[in-house]
């Protein structure tokens, strides 16, 4: 990977990066909301024993919807990343790779 791009990605995806922290927080919030709207506290505790109960089967059935609920903050993060990467290219932070 080209060094400037590697530096950019290492900086952007640093777990201490506020944008990454916000992404994780947004995904966690969306997921928590999803489960809170669909399961009781007792059912959530039963999920700890996972697929050995009817509650576990309910979890499996709801999993695709959970992924859909978590998708908006991930998609927004990707949109912002692409914008910032394009902006970095426009500012000349990345030079074309000379293959000679």
PDB file of N, CA and C in Angstrom:
ATOM      1  N   UNK A   1       0.857  -1.172   0.000  1.00  0.00           N
ATOM      2  CA  UNK A   1       0.000   0.000   0.000  1.00  0.00           C
ATOM      3  C   UNK A   1       0.904   1.236   0.000  1.00  0.00           C
ATOM      4  N   UNK A   2       0.498   2.237  -0.752  1.00  0.00           N
ATOM      5  CA  UNK A   2       1.272   3.475  -0.790  1.00  0.00           C
ATOM      6  C   UNK A   2       1.320   4.088   0.605  1.00  0.00           C
ATOM      7  N   UNK A   3       2.474   4.587   0.970  1.00  0.00           N
ATOM      8  CA  UNK A   3       2.680   5.082   2.334  1.00  0.00           C
ATOM      9  C   UNK A   3       1.682   6.157   2.771  1.00  0.00           C
ATOM     10  N   UNK A   4       1.400   7.192   1.941  1.00  0.00           N
ATOM     11  CA  UNK A   4       0.419   8.193   2.399  1.00  0.00           C
ATOM     12  C   UNK A   4      -0.960   7.589   2.640  1.00  0.00           C
ATOM     13  N   UNK A   5      -1.369   6.679   1.777  1.00  0.00           N
ATOM     14  CA  UNK A   5      -2.670   6.033   1.964  1.00  0.00           C
ATOM     15  C   UNK A   5      -2.660   5.183   3.231  1.00  0.00           C
ATOM     16  N   UNK A   6      -1.579   4.472   3.469  1.00  0.00           N
ATOM     17  CA  UNK A   6      -1.465   3.658   4.683  1.00  0.00           C
ATOM     18  C   UNK A   6      -1.535   4.534   5.935  1.00  0.00           C
ATOM     19  N   UNK A   7      -0.847   5.666   5.919  1.00  0.00           N
ATOM     20  CA  UNK A   7      -0.907   6.587   7.063  1.00  0.00           C
ATOM     21  C   UNK A   7      -2.329   7.088   7.279  1.00  0.00           C
ATOM     22  N   UNK A   8      -2.997   7.447   6.176  1.00  0.00           N
ATOM     23  CA  UNK A   8      -4.377   7.923   6.270  1.00  0.00           C
ATOM     24  C   UNK A   8      -5.275   6.851   6.889  1.00  0.00           C
ATOM     25  N   UNK A   9      -5.187   5.622   6.381  1.00  0.00           N
ATOM     26  CA  UNK A   9      -6.039   4.542   6.887  1.00  0.00           C
ATOM     27  C   UNK A   9      -5.711   4.205   8.337  1.00  0.00           C
ATOM     28  N   UNK A  10      -4.425   4.183   8.687  1.00  0.00           N
ATOM     29  CA  UNK A  10      -4.046   3.912  10.079  1.00  0.00           C
ATOM     30  C   UNK A  10      -4.595   4.980  11.009  1.00  0.00           C
ATOM     31  N   UNK A  11      -4.534   6.238  10.572  1.00  0.00           N
ATOM     32  CA  UNK A  11      -5.069   7.332  11.386  1.00  0.00           C
ATOM     33  C   UNK A  11      -6.587   7.238  11.468  1.00  0.00           C
ATOM     34  N   UNK A  12      -7.226   7.004  10.327  1.00  0.00           N
ATOM     35  CA  UNK A  12      -8.687   7.006  10.284  1.00  0.00           C
ATOM     36  C   UNK A  12      -9.276   5.844  11.073  1.00  0.00           C
ATOM     37  N   UNK A  13      -8.649   4.685  10.997  1.00  0.00           N
ATOM     38  CA  UNK A  13      -9.192   3.503  11.651  1.00  0.00           C
ATOM     39  C   UNK A  13      -8.592   3.229  13.024  1.00  0.00           C
ATOM     40  N   UNK A  14      -7.868   4.196  13.566  1.00  0.00           N
ATOM     41  CA  UNK A  14      -7.359   4.089  14.930  1.00  0.00           C
ATOM     42  C   UNK A  14      -8.553   3.969  15.879  1.00  0.00           C
ATOM     43  N   UNK A  15      -8.568   2.961  16.758  1.00  0.00           N
ATOM     44  CA  UNK A  15      -9.709   2.796  17.678  1.00  0.00           C
ATOM     45  C   UNK A  15      -9.966   4.010  18.560  1.00  0.00           C
ATOM     46  N   UNK A  16      -8.961   4.867  18.727  1.00  0.00           N
ATOM     47  CA  UNK A  16      -9.134   6.079  19.530  1.00  0.00           C
ATOM     48  C   UNK A  16      -9.666   7.247  18.696  1.00  0.00           C
ATOM     49  N   UNK A  17      -9.771   7.071  17.388  1.00  0.00           N
ATOM     50  CA  UNK A  17     -10.294   8.114  16.510  1.00  0.00           C
ATOM     51  C   UNK A  17     -11.746   8.393  16.909  1.00  0.00           C
ATOM     52  N   UNK A  18     -12.089   9.639  17.160  1.00  0.00           N
ATOM     53  CA  UNK A  18     -13.469   9.961  17.562  1.00  0.00           C
ATOM     54  C   UNK A  18     -14.518   9.472  16.556  1.00  0.00           C
ATOM     55  N   UNK A  19     -14.177   9.464  15.278  1.00  0.00           N
ATOM     56  CA  UNK A  19     -15.124   8.984  14.263  1.00  0.00           C
ATOM     57  C   UNK A  19     -15.374   7.484  14.410  1.00  0.00           C
ATOM     58  N   UNK A  20     -14.326   6.740  14.716  1.00  0.00           N
ATOM     59  CA  UNK A  20     -14.476   5.295  14.924  1.00  0.00           C
ATOM     60  C   UNK A  20     -15.273   5.048  16.198  1.00  0.00           C
ATOM     61  N   UNK A  21     -14.952   5.796  17.255  1.00  0.00           N
ATOM     62  CA  UNK A  21     -15.703   5.654  18.505  1.00  0.00           C
ATOM     63  C   UNK A  21     -17.182   5.957  18.286  1.00  0.00           C
ATOM     64  N   UNK A  22     -17.463   6.998  17.486  1.00  0.00           N
ATOM     65  CA  UNK A  22     -18.854   7.350  17.203  1.00  0.00           C
ATOM     66  C   UNK A  22     -19.526   6.238  16.396  1.00  0.00           C
ATOM     67  N   UNK A  23     -18.825   5.691  15.416  1.00  0.00           N
ATOM     68  CA  UNK A  23     -19.391   4.589  14.637  1.00  0.00           C
ATOM     69  C   UNK A  23     -19.770   3.437  15.559  1.00  0.00           C
ATOM     70  N   UNK A  24     -18.845   3.014  16.415  1.00  0.00           N
ATOM     71  CA  UNK A  24     -19.132   1.909  17.329  1.00  0.00           C
ATOM     72  C   UNK A  24     -20.306   2.246  18.237  1.00  0.00           C
ATOM     73  N   UNK A  25     -20.344   3.480  18.724  1.00  0.00           N
ATOM     74  CA  UNK A  25     -21.438   3.910  19.582  1.00  0.00           C
ATOM     75  C   UNK A  25     -22.764   3.883  18.828  1.00  0.00           C
ATOM     76  N   UNK A  26     -22.769   4.388  17.592  1.00  0.00           N
ATOM     77  CA  UNK A  26     -23.998   4.407  16.791  1.00  0.00           C
ATOM     78  C   UNK A  26     -24.498   3.000  16.491  1.00  0.00           C
ATOM     79  N   UNK A  27     -23.571   2.104  16.147  1.00  0.00           N
ATOM     80  CA  UNK A  27     -23.954   0.716  15.858  1.00  0.00           C
ATOM     81  C   UNK A  27     -24.499   0.050  17.121  1.00  0.00           C
ATOM     82  N   UNK A  28     -23.821   0.276  18.249  1.00  0.00           N
ATOM     83  CA  UNK A  28     -24.284  -0.293  19.510  1.00  0.00           C
ATOM     84  C   UNK A  28     -25.666   0.239  19.875  1.00  0.00           C
ATOM     85  N   UNK A  29     -25.862   1.549  19.729  1.00  0.00           N
ATOM     86  CA  UNK A  29     -27.169   2.145  20.040  1.00  0.00           C
ATOM     87  C   UNK A  29     -28.267   1.585  19.139  1.00  0.00           C
ATOM     88  N   UNK A  30     -27.996   1.487  17.834  1.00  0.00           N
ATOM     89  CA  UNK A  30     -28.999   0.959  16.901  1.00  0.00           C
ATOM     90  C   UNK A  30     -29.325  -0.494  17.224  1.00  0.00           C
ATOM     91  N   UNK A  31     -28.301  -1.270  17.560  1.00  0.00           N
ATOM     92  CA  UNK A  31     -28.518  -2.677  17.902  1.00  0.00           C
ATOM     93  C   UNK A  31     -29.294  -2.813  19.206  1.00  0.00           C
ATOM     94  N   UNK A  32     -28.913  -2.021  20.209  1.00  0.00           N
ATOM     95  CA  UNK A  32     -29.606  -2.075  21.502  1.00  0.00           C
ATOM     96  C   UNK A  32     -31.077  -1.704  21.338  1.00  0.00           C
ATOM     97  N   UNK A  33     -31.325  -0.662  20.546  1.00  0.00           N
ATOM     98  CA  UNK A  33     -32.714  -0.248  20.300  1.00  0.00           C
ATOM     99  C   UNK A  33     -33.484  -1.379  19.624  1.00  0.00           C
ATOM    100  N   UNK A  34     -32.875  -1.984  18.642  1.00  0.00           N
ATOM    101  CA  UNK A  34     -33.517  -3.087  17.933  1.00  0.00           C
ATOM    102  C   UNK A  34     -33.936  -4.196  18.904  1.00  0.00           C
ATOM    103  N   UNK A  35     -32.981  -4.659  19.709  1.00  0.00           N
ATOM    104  CA  UNK A  35     -33.287  -5.762  20.631  1.00  0.00           C
ATOM    105  C   UNK A  35     -34.257  -5.332  21.730  1.00  0.00           C
ATOM    106  N   UNK A  36     -34.108  -4.106  22.231  1.00  0.00           N
ATOM    107  CA  UNK A  36     -35.006  -3.623  23.285  1.00  0.00           C
ATOM    108  C   UNK A  36     -36.450  -3.561  22.796  1.00  0.00           C
ATOM    109  N   UNK A  37     -36.636  -3.271  21.519  1.00  0.00           N
ATOM    110  CA  UNK A  37     -37.986  -3.201  20.956  1.00  0.00           C
ATOM    111  C   UNK A  37     -38.588  -4.580  20.683  1.00  0.00           C
ATOM    112  N   UNK A  38     -37.756  -5.611  20.644  1.00  0.00           N
ATOM    113  CA  UNK A  38     -38.225  -6.932  20.234  1.00  0.00           C
ATOM    114  C   UNK A  38     -38.134  -8.012  21.310  1.00  0.00           C
ATOM    115  N   UNK A  39     -37.320  -7.760  22.352  1.00  0.00           N
ATOM    116  CA  UNK A  39     -37.097  -8.769  23.389  1.00  0.00           C
ATOM    117  C   UNK A  39     -37.248  -8.157  24.775  1.00  0.00           C
ATOM    118  N   UNK A  40     -37.706  -8.962  25.700  1.00  0.00           N
ATOM    119  CA  UNK A  40     -37.755  -8.551  27.106  1.00  0.00           C
ATOM    120  C   UNK A  40     -36.383  -8.771  27.739  1.00  0.00           C
ATOM    121  N   UNK A  41     -36.222  -8.230  28.966  1.00  0.00           N
ATOM    122  CA  UNK A  41     -34.970  -8.453  29.694  1.00  0.00           C
ATOM    123  C   UNK A  41     -34.755  -9.951  29.898  1.00  0.00           C
ATOM    124  N   UNK A  42     -35.818 -10.656  30.231  1.00  0.00           N
ATOM    125  CA  UNK A  42     -35.712 -12.097  30.437  1.00  0.00           C
ATOM    126  C   UNK A  42     -35.260 -12.801  29.153  1.00  0.00           C
ATOM    127  N   UNK A  43     -35.810 -12.367  28.022  1.00  0.00           N
ATOM    128  CA  UNK A  43     -35.403 -12.975  26.750  1.00  0.00           C
ATOM    129  C   UNK A  43     -33.949 -12.664  26.422  1.00  0.00           C
ATOM    130  N   UNK A  44     -33.526 -11.427  26.715  1.00  0.00           N
ATOM    131  CA  UNK A  44     -32.128 -11.086  26.466  1.00  0.00           C
ATOM    132  C   UNK A  44     -31.191 -11.929  27.333  1.00  0.00           C
ATOM    133  N   UNK A  45     -31.582 -12.165  28.580  1.00  0.00           N
ATOM    134  CA  UNK A  45     -30.770 -13.042  29.439  1.00  0.00           C
ATOM    135  C   UNK A  45     -30.764 -14.463  28.899  1.00  0.00           C
ATOM    136  N   UNK A  46     -31.888 -14.896  28.378  1.00  0.00           N
ATOM    137  CA  UNK A  46     -31.963 -16.247  27.816  1.00  0.00           C
ATOM    138  C   UNK A  46     -31.081 -16.392  26.576  1.00  0.00           C
ATOM    139  N   UNK A  47     -30.855 -15.292  25.858  1.00  0.00           N
ATOM    140  CA  UNK A  47     -29.975 -15.348  24.688  1.00  0.00           C
ATOM    141  C   UNK A  47     -28.555 -15.741  25.058  1.00  0.00           C
ATOM    142  N   UNK A  48     -28.179 -15.508  26.311  1.00  0.00           N
ATOM    143  CA  UNK A  48     -26.843 -15.900  26.767  1.00  0.00           C
ATOM    144  C   UNK A  48     -26.641 -17.402  26.639  1.00  0.00           C
ATOM    145  N   UNK A  49     -27.688 -18.136  26.716  1.00  0.00           N
ATOM    146  CA  UNK A  49     -27.588 -19.591  26.537  1.00  0.00           C
ATOM    147  C   UNK A  49     -27.757 -19.987  25.069  1.00  0.00           C
ATOM    148  N   UNK A  50     -27.981 -18.983  24.276  1.00  0.00           N
ATOM    149  CA  UNK A  50     -28.020 -19.002  22.818  1.00  0.00           C
ATOM    150  C   UNK A  50     -29.030 -19.966  22.244  1.00  0.00           C
ATOM    151  N   UNK A  51     -28.668 -20.845  21.369  1.00  0.00           N
ATOM    152  CA  UNK A  51     -29.630 -21.563  20.529  1.00  0.00           C
ATOM    153  C   UNK A  51     -30.308 -22.765  21.172  1.00  0.00           C
ATOM    154  N   UNK A  52     -30.197 -22.903  22.455  1.00  0.00           N
ATOM    155  CA  UNK A  52     -30.754 -24.091  23.119  1.00  0.00           C
ATOM    156  C   UNK A  52     -32.198 -23.900  23.563  1.00  0.00           C
ATOM    157  N   UNK A  53     -32.797 -22.787  23.217  1.00  0.00           N
ATOM    158  CA  UNK A  53     -34.145 -22.508  23.704  1.00  0.00           C
ATOM    159  C   UNK A  53     -34.990 -21.877  22.601  1.00  0.00           C
ATOM    160  N   UNK A  54     -36.310 -21.808  22.815  1.00  0.00           N
ATOM    161  CA  UNK A  54     -37.154 -21.097  21.850  1.00  0.00           C
ATOM    162  C   UNK A  54     -36.728 -19.631  21.689  1.00  0.00           C
ATOM    163  N   UNK A  55     -36.237 -19.034  22.736  1.00  0.00           N
ATOM    164  CA  UNK A  55     -35.753 -17.658  22.639  1.00  0.00           C
ATOM    165  C   UNK A  55     -34.558 -17.578  21.693  1.00  0.00           C
ATOM    166  N   UNK A  56     -33.695 -18.548  21.738  1.00  0.00           N
ATOM    167  CA  UNK A  56     -32.564 -18.600  20.810  1.00  0.00           C
ATOM    168  C   UNK A  56     -33.041 -18.676  19.368  1.00  0.00           C
ATOM    169  N   UNK A  57     -34.092 -19.438  19.115  1.00  0.00           N
ATOM    170  CA  UNK A  57     -34.644 -19.522  17.773  1.00  0.00           C
ATOM    171  C   UNK A  57     -35.238 -18.180  17.334  1.00  0.00           C
ATOM    172  N   UNK A  58     -35.854 -17.491  18.260  1.00  0.00           N
ATOM    173  CA  UNK A  58     -36.390 -16.166  17.950  1.00  0.00           C
ATOM    174  C   UNK A  58     -35.254 -15.215  17.562  1.00  0.00           C
ATOM    175  N   UNK A  59     -34.142 -15.315  18.268  1.00  0.00           N
ATOM    176  CA  UNK A  59     -32.959 -14.505  17.963  1.00  0.00           C
ATOM    177  C   UNK A  59     -32.472 -14.770  16.542  1.00  0.00           C
ATOM    178  N   UNK A  60     -32.376 -16.017  16.168  1.00  0.00           N
ATOM    179  CA  UNK A  60     -31.912 -16.364  14.827  1.00  0.00           C
ATOM    180  C   UNK A  60     -32.839 -15.762  13.773  1.00  0.00           C
ATOM    181  N   UNK A  61     -34.123 -15.850  14.022  1.00  0.00           N
ATOM    182  CA  UNK A  61     -35.096 -15.312  13.075  1.00  0.00           C
ATOM    183  C   UNK A  61     -34.963 -13.786  12.947  1.00  0.00           C
ATOM    184  N   UNK A  62     -34.656 -13.090  14.036  1.00  0.00           N
ATOM    185  CA  UNK A  62     -34.563 -11.631  14.035  1.00  0.00           C
ATOM    186  C   UNK A  62     -33.208 -11.114  13.560  1.00  0.00           C
ATOM    187  N   UNK A  63     -32.204 -11.955  13.480  1.00  0.00           N
ATOM    188  CA  UNK A  63     -30.847 -11.514  13.152  1.00  0.00           C
ATOM    189  C   UNK A  63     -30.760 -10.692  11.863  1.00  0.00           C
ATOM    190  N   UNK A  64     -31.429 -11.082  10.783  1.00  0.00           N
ATOM    191  CA  UNK A  64     -31.332 -10.247   9.575  1.00  0.00           C
ATOM    192  C   UNK A  64     -31.871  -8.827   9.793  1.00  0.00           C
ATOM    193  N   UNK A  65     -32.934  -8.702  10.559  1.00  0.00           N
ATOM    194  CA  UNK A  65     -33.467  -7.370  10.851  1.00  0.00           C
ATOM    195  C   UNK A  65     -32.487  -6.563  11.713  1.00  0.00           C
ATOM    196  N   UNK A  66     -31.780  -7.244  12.610  1.00  0.00           N
ATOM    197  CA  UNK A  66     -30.790  -6.563  13.447  1.00  0.00           C
ATOM    198  C   UNK A  66     -29.679  -5.987  12.576  1.00  0.00           C
ATOM    199  N   UNK A  67     -29.246  -6.754  11.608  1.00  0.00           N
ATOM    200  CA  UNK A  67     -28.216  -6.266  10.689  1.00  0.00           C
ATOM    201  C   UNK A  67     -28.716  -5.041   9.925  1.00  0.00           C
ATOM    202  N   UNK A  68     -29.973  -5.101   9.493  1.00  0.00           N
ATOM    203  CA  UNK A  68     -30.548  -3.966   8.768  1.00  0.00           C
ATOM    204  C   UNK A  68     -30.633  -2.732   9.667  1.00  0.00           C
ATOM    205  N   UNK A  69     -30.943  -2.934  10.950  1.00  0.00           N
ATOM    206  CA  UNK A  69     -31.033  -1.811  11.882  1.00  0.00           C
ATOM    207  C   UNK A  69     -29.666  -1.171  12.121  1.00  0.00           C
ATOM    208  N   UNK A  70     -28.601  -1.969  12.085  1.00  0.00           N
ATOM    209  CA  UNK A  70     -27.248  -1.459  12.310  1.00  0.00           C
ATOM    210  C   UNK A  70     -26.644  -0.851  11.055  1.00  0.00           C
ATOM    211  N   UNK A  71     -27.236  -1.113   9.902  1.00  0.00           N
ATOM    212  CA  UNK A  71     -26.649  -0.669   8.639  1.00  0.00           C
ATOM    213  C   UNK A  71     -26.584   0.850   8.468  1.00  0.00           C
ATOM    214  N   UNK A  72     -27.601   1.629   8.850  1.00  0.00           N
ATOM    215  CA  UNK A  72     -27.520   3.076   8.575  1.00  0.00           C
ATOM    216  C   UNK A  72     -26.270   3.772   9.115  1.00  0.00           C
ATOM    217  N   UNK A  73     -25.850   3.554  10.372  1.00  0.00           N
ATOM    218  CA  UNK A  73     -24.626   4.248  10.791  1.00  0.00           C
ATOM    219  C   UNK A  73     -23.379   3.748  10.058  1.00  0.00           C
ATOM    220  N   UNK A  74     -23.374   2.478   9.685  1.00  0.00           N
ATOM    221  CA  UNK A  74     -22.227   1.951   8.934  1.00  0.00           C
ATOM    222  C   UNK A  74     -22.176   2.587   7.552  1.00  0.00           C
ATOM    223  N   UNK A  75     -23.330   2.660   6.889  1.00  0.00           N
ATOM    224  CA  UNK A  75     -23.379   3.273   5.566  1.00  0.00           C
ATOM    225  C   UNK A  75     -23.001   4.754   5.627  1.00  0.00           C
ATOM    226  N   UNK A  76     -23.459   5.452   6.655  1.00  0.00           N
ATOM    227  CA  UNK A  76     -23.103   6.863   6.814  1.00  0.00           C
ATOM    228  C   UNK A  76     -21.599   7.013   7.042  1.00  0.00           C
ATOM    229  N   UNK A  77     -21.027   6.137   7.841  1.00  0.00           N
ATOM    230  CA  UNK A  77     -19.581   6.140   8.076  1.00  0.00           C
ATOM    231  C   UNK A  77     -18.838   5.938   6.756  1.00  0.00           C
ATOM    232  N   UNK A  78     -19.279   4.972   5.953  1.00  0.00           N
ATOM    233  CA  UNK A  78     -18.631   4.716   4.673  1.00  0.00           C
ATOM    234  C   UNK A  78     -18.742   5.927   3.745  1.00  0.00           C
ATOM    235  N   UNK A  79     -19.904   6.580   3.736  1.00  0.00           N
ATOM    236  CA  UNK A  79     -20.101   7.761   2.906  1.00  0.00           C
ATOM    237  C   UNK A  79     -19.114   8.860   3.311  1.00  0.00           C
ATOM    238  N   UNK A  80     -18.991   9.091   4.621  1.00  0.00           N
ATOM    239  CA  UNK A  80     -18.073  10.120   5.106  1.00  0.00           C
ATOM    240  C   UNK A  80     -16.619   9.761   4.793  1.00  0.00           C
ATOM    241  N   UNK A  81     -16.277   8.485   4.943  1.00  0.00           N
ATOM    242  CA  UNK A  81     -14.913   8.047   4.644  1.00  0.00           C
ATOM    243  C   UNK A  81     -14.581   8.312   3.180  1.00  0.00           C
ATOM    244  N   UNK A  82     -15.491   7.972   2.282  1.00  0.00           N
ATOM    245  CA  UNK A  82     -15.253   8.199   0.859  1.00  0.00           C
ATOM    246  C   UNK A  82     -15.091   9.695   0.576  1.00  0.00           C
ATOM    247  N   UNK A  83     -15.928  10.510   1.201  1.00  0.00           N
ATOM    248  CA  UNK A  83     -15.815  11.958   1.021  1.00  0.00           C
ATOM    249  C   UNK A  83     -14.446  12.440   1.491  1.00  0.00           C
ATOM    250  N   UNK A  84     -14.033  12.016   2.668  1.00  0.00           N
ATOM    251  CA  UNK A  84     -12.748  12.464   3.204  1.00  0.00           C
ATOM    252  C   UNK A  84     -11.580  11.962   2.365  1.00  0.00           C
ATOM    253  N   UNK A  85     -11.678  10.761   1.858  1.00  0.00           N
ATOM    254  CA  UNK A  85     -10.624  10.218   1.008  1.00  0.00           C
ATOM    255  C   UNK A  85     -10.558  10.998  -0.312  1.00  0.00           C
ATOM    256  N   UNK A  86     -11.717  11.289  -0.895  1.00  0.00           N
ATOM    257  CA  UNK A  86     -11.745  12.086  -2.125  1.00  0.00           C
ATOM    258  C   UNK A  86     -11.175  13.486  -1.868  1.00  0.00           C
ATOM    259  N   UNK A  87     -11.523  14.061  -0.735  1.00  0.00           N
ATOM    260  CA  UNK A  87     -11.017  15.385  -0.375  1.00  0.00           C
ATOM    261  C   UNK A  87      -9.497  15.345  -0.202  1.00  0.00           C
ATOM    262  N   UNK A  88      -8.990  14.297   0.411  1.00  0.00           N
ATOM    263  CA  UNK A  88      -7.538  14.152   0.582  1.00  0.00           C
ATOM    264  C   UNK A  88      -6.850  14.044  -0.775  1.00  0.00           C
ATOM    265  N   UNK A  89      -7.454  13.304  -1.701  1.00  0.00           N
ATOM    266  CA  UNK A  89      -6.895  13.216  -3.048  1.00  0.00           C
ATOM    267  C   UNK A  89      -6.916  14.595  -3.714  1.00  0.00           C
ATOM    268  N   UNK A  90      -8.019  15.311  -3.573  1.00  0.00           N
ATOM    269  CA  UNK A  90      -8.148  16.635  -4.190  1.00  0.00           C
ATOM    270  C   UNK A  90      -7.115  17.612  -3.634  1.00  0.00           C
ATOM    271  N   UNK A  91      -6.763  17.477  -2.363  1.00  0.00           N
ATOM    272  CA  UNK A  91      -5.760  18.353  -1.738  1.00  0.00           C
ATOM    273  C   UNK A  91      -4.339  17.948  -2.122  1.00  0.00           C
ATOM    274  N   UNK A  92      -4.223  16.836  -2.828  1.00  0.00           N
ATOM    275  CA  UNK A  92      -2.892  16.394  -3.270  1.00  0.00           C
ATOM    276  C   UNK A  92      -2.132  15.613  -2.218  1.00  0.00           C
ATOM    277  N   UNK A  93      -2.835  15.063  -1.237  1.00  0.00           N
ATOM    278  CA  UNK A  93      -2.154  14.287  -0.194  1.00  0.00           C
ATOM    279  C   UNK A  93      -1.629  12.952  -0.718  1.00  0.00           C
ATOM    280  N   UNK A  94      -2.159  12.501  -1.835  1.00  0.00           N
ATOM    281  CA  UNK A  94      -1.728  11.243  -2.433  1.00  0.00           C
ATOM    282  C   UNK A  94      -1.201  11.531  -3.835  1.00  0.00           C
ATOM    283  N   UNK A  95      -0.060  10.989  -4.119  1.00  0.00           N
ATOM    284  CA  UNK A  95       0.540  11.173  -5.439  1.00  0.00           C
ATOM    285  C   UNK A  95       0.276   9.937  -6.285  1.00  0.00           C
ATOM    286  N   UNK A  96       0.140  10.116  -7.603  1.00  0.00           N
ATOM    287  CA  UNK A  96      -0.025   8.943  -8.473  1.00  0.00           C
ATOM    288  C   UNK A  96       1.161   7.989  -8.320  1.00  0.00           C
ATOM    289  N   UNK A  97       0.887   6.724  -8.415  1.00  0.00           N
ATOM    290  CA  UNK A  97       1.947   5.719  -8.305  1.00  0.00           C
ATOM    291  C   UNK A  97       2.643   5.609  -9.651  1.00  0.00           C
ATOM    292  N   UNK A  98       3.955   5.801  -9.639  1.00  0.00           N
ATOM    293  CA  UNK A  98       4.739   5.655 -10.854  1.00  0.00           C
ATOM    294  C   UNK A  98       5.175   4.200 -10.947  1.00  0.00           C
ATOM    295  N   UNK A  99       4.671   3.492 -11.945  1.00  0.00           N
ATOM    296  CA  UNK A  99       4.936   2.049 -12.063  1.00  0.00           C
ATOM    297  C   UNK A  99       6.241   1.763 -12.804  1.00  0.00           C
ATOM    298  N   UNK A 100       6.989   2.792 -13.186  1.00  0.00           N
ATOM    299  CA  UNK A 100       8.257   2.574 -13.896  1.00  0.00           C
ATOM    300  C   UNK A 100       9.370   2.263 -12.941  1.00  0.00           C
TER     301      UNK A 100
END
